Amino acid sequence: MDENKVALICKALGDPNRLKIVQMLSSGEMCACNLLEAFKITQPTLSHHMKILCECGLVHTRKEGKWSHYSLNCETFQEYKAFISSLTCCKKEGRCDCK
């Protein structure tokens, strides 16, 4: 995953509402109606948050009737986790000064 994609994801997750949405979606697909109830926000506000999460690639959307159903894009999520895991404060000698 390149740094630009990571930056987009970090920006998307920098909003507490979007971070909570991702946490909720980590337990499985959710309908927009359920997300609306959990947040007590307007539908346009939810749509804005979901657009950002979809554009960065973290979330998939699926239409069913008038409702959208959202789920995590596991491939992108795993790539993001791998990138974050590759960051370290340890020195090249293999010793870690981090406590």
Protein backbone atom coordinates (compact mmCIF):
# COMPACT_ATOMS: atom_id res chain seq x y z
CA MET A 1 0.00 0.00 0.00
CA ASP A 2 1.46 3.35 -0.95
CA GLU A 3 1.75 6.35 1.35
CA ASN A 4 -0.99 8.33 -0.46
CA LYS A 5 -3.55 5.57 0.15
CA VAL A 6 -2.45 5.25 3.78
CA ALA A 7 -2.81 9.02 4.20
CA LEU A 8 -6.38 8.92 2.82
CA ILE A 9 -7.29 6.15 5.25
CA CYS A 10 -5.68 7.99 8.17
CA LYS A 11 -7.61 11.13 7.23
CA ALA A 12 -10.86 9.14 7.05
CA LEU A 13 -10.20 7.51 10.43
CA GLY A 14 -9.27 10.87 11.96
CA ASP A 15 -12.94 11.64 12.49
CA PRO A 16 -14.40 10.05 15.64
CA ASN A 17 -17.71 9.22 13.94
CA ARG A 18 -16.00 7.45 11.04
CA LEU A 19 -13.72 5.58 13.43
CA LYS A 20 -16.78 4.39 15.35
CA ILE A 21 -18.46 3.35 12.07
CA VAL A 22 -15.43 1.22 11.19
CA GLN A 23 -15.50 -0.33 14.66
CA MET A 24 -19.17 -1.18 14.21
CA LEU A 25 -18.59 -2.64 10.75
CA SER A 26 -15.80 -4.84 12.10
CA SER A 27 -18.53 -7.11 13.47
CA GLY A 28 -20.20 -7.46 10.06
CA GLU A 29 -22.32 -5.77 7.42
CA MET A 30 -24.74 -3.11 8.61
CA CYS A 31 -27.65 -1.31 7.04
CA ALA A 32 -27.50 2.48 6.91
CA CYS A 33 -30.72 2.53 8.94
CA ASN A 34 -28.95 0.83 11.86
CA LEU A 35 -26.00 3.20 11.63
CA LEU A 36 -28.41 6.15 11.67
CA GLU A 37 -30.02 4.85 14.86
CA ALA A 38 -26.67 4.30 16.55
CA PHE A 39 -25.44 7.82 15.85
CA LYS A 40 -28.60 9.91 15.97
CA ILE A 41 -27.35 11.86 12.95
CA THR A 42 -29.12 12.87 9.77
CA GLN A 43 -29.07 10.73 6.65
CA PRO A 44 -27.06 13.35 4.67
CA THR A 45 -24.42 13.43 7.42
CA LEU A 46 -24.17 9.64 7.41
CA SER A 47 -23.90 9.67 3.61
CA HIS A 48 -21.01 12.13 3.84
CA HIS A 49 -19.15 9.90 6.30
CA MET A 50 -19.80 6.78 4.24
CA LYS A 51 -18.67 8.48 1.04
CA ILE A 52 -15.32 9.27 2.63
CA LEU A 53 -14.92 5.71 3.97
CA CYS A 54 -15.84 4.24 0.58
CA GLU A 55 -13.56 6.60 -1.39
CA CYS A 56 -10.51 5.63 0.67
CA GLY A 57 -11.34 1.97 0.05
CA LEU A 58 -12.04 0.89 3.62
CA VAL A 59 -15.74 0.24 3.12
CA HIS A 60 -17.88 -1.51 0.48
CA THR A 61 -21.48 -0.55 -0.20
CA ARG A 62 -24.33 -2.72 -1.43
CA LYS A 63 -27.78 -1.43 -2.36
CA GLU A 64 -30.90 -3.32 -1.35
CA GLY A 65 -34.10 -1.49 -2.10
CA LYS A 66 -33.86 2.04 -0.78
CA TRP A 67 -31.18 1.19 1.77
CA SER A 68 -27.44 0.84 1.50
CA HIS A 69 -25.61 -1.89 3.36
CA TYR A 70 -22.01 -1.32 4.35
CA SER A 71 -19.16 -3.68 5.13
CA LEU A 72 -15.42 -3.41 5.65
CA ASN A 73 -13.19 -4.02 2.64
CA CYS A 74 -11.05 -6.66 4.32
CA GLU A 75 -8.32 -6.58 1.67
CA THR A 76 -7.73 -2.84 2.08
CA PHE A 77 -8.06 -3.11 5.85
CA GLN A 78 -5.43 -5.88 6.00
CA GLU A 79 -3.04 -3.88 3.78
CA TYR A 80 -3.50 -0.86 6.04
CA LYS A 81 -2.86 -2.94 9.16
CA ALA A 82 0.29 -4.40 7.57
CA PHE A 83 1.57 -0.92 6.74
CA ILE A 84 0.93 0.34 10.28
CA SER A 85 2.55 -2.81 11.73
CA SER A 86 5.64 -2.18 9.62
CA LEU A 87 6.24 1.13 11.40
CA THR A 88 8.66 0.85 14.27
CA CYS A 89 10.71 2.97 16.61
CA CYS A 90 13.36 0.26 16.91
CA LYS A 91 16.88 0.84 15.70
CA LYS A 92 18.30 -1.22 12.85
CA GLU A 93 20.52 -3.22 15.21
CA GLY A 94 17.39 -5.05 16.31
CA ARG A 95 17.26 -3.51 19.75
CA CYS A 96 14.16 -1.60 20.66
CA ASP A 97 14.46 1.38 22.94
CA CYS A 98 10.65 1.70 23.14
CA LYS A 99 8.98 0.77 26.38
